[in-house]
Amino acid sequence: MDLGPHATFIIASYAIFTLVLASLTAWLMYDGARQKRLLEGLQAKGARRRPRSGETESTQ
């Protein structure tokens, strides 16, 4: 595969893209787990979710 005179730029671009994509994926997984732990902590303390607009407490 001949990428021509811009091979270094092309390979570096793909490498940076892969690094950014992997970083974002890892951050989303970490943050999702953190949010889940925070929500479980709130629920353990007895916090309840507010009803959406138009809903009553009994329809949840």
Protein backbone atom coordinates (compact mmCIF):
# COMPACT_ATOMS: atom_id res chain seq x y z
CA MET A 1 0.00 0.00 0.00
CA ASP A 2 1.60 3.23 -1.15
CA LEU A 3 0.35 6.32 0.65
CA GLY A 4 2.70 8.61 -1.20
CA PRO A 5 4.53 11.59 0.25
CA HIS A 6 1.83 12.19 2.86
CA ALA A 7 2.12 8.77 4.52
CA THR A 8 3.39 10.18 7.81
CA PHE A 9 0.46 12.60 8.05
CA ILE A 10 -2.09 9.91 7.17
CA ILE A 11 -0.73 7.40 9.68
CA ALA A 12 -0.46 10.05 12.40
CA SER A 13 -4.05 11.16 11.72
CA TYR A 14 -5.36 7.62 12.09
CA ALA A 15 -3.30 7.07 15.24
CA ILE A 16 -4.58 10.29 16.84
CA PHE A 17 -8.17 9.45 15.86
CA THR A 18 -7.84 5.99 17.39
CA LEU A 19 -6.36 7.43 20.58
CA VAL A 20 -9.13 10.03 20.89
CA LEU A 21 -11.85 7.45 20.21
CA ALA A 22 -10.40 5.03 22.78
CA SER A 23 -10.08 7.84 25.33
CA LEU A 24 -13.68 8.94 24.86
CA THR A 25 -14.91 5.35 25.12
CA ALA A 26 -12.95 4.79 28.33
CA TRP A 27 -14.17 8.08 29.80
CA LEU A 28 -17.81 7.25 28.99
CA MET A 29 -17.49 3.83 30.63
CA TYR A 30 -15.85 5.35 33.72
CA ASP A 31 -18.38 8.18 33.98
CA GLY A 32 -21.32 5.81 33.49
CA ALA A 33 -20.10 3.62 36.34
CA ARG A 34 -19.52 6.70 38.51
CA GLN A 35 -23.01 8.03 37.82
CA LYS A 36 -24.50 4.63 38.62
CA ARG A 37 -22.64 4.56 41.97
CA LEU A 38 -23.82 8.09 42.79
CA LEU A 39 -27.42 7.20 41.95
CA GLU A 40 -27.26 4.04 44.06
CA GLY A 41 -25.86 6.11 46.94
CA LEU A 42 -28.74 8.56 46.67
CA GLN A 43 -31.28 5.77 46.53
CA ALA A 44 -29.71 4.15 49.60
CA LYS A 45 -30.17 7.44 51.47
CA GLY A 46 -33.85 7.42 50.55
CA ALA A 47 -33.82 10.06 47.83
CA ARG A 48 -36.68 9.71 45.38
CA ARG A 49 -37.04 10.89 41.84
CA ARG A 50 -39.40 13.73 41.13
CA PRO A 51 -42.30 12.97 38.80
CA ARG A 52 -42.08 14.33 35.28
CA SER A 53 -44.27 17.28 34.46
CA GLY A 54 -47.86 16.12 34.14
CA GLU A 55 -47.33 12.96 36.19
CA THR A 56 -48.44 12.37 39.72
CA GLU A 57 -46.65 10.43 42.43
CA SER A 58 -49.02 7.46 42.01
CA THR A 59 -48.29 6.97 38.29
CA GLN A 60 -44.58 6.31 38.72
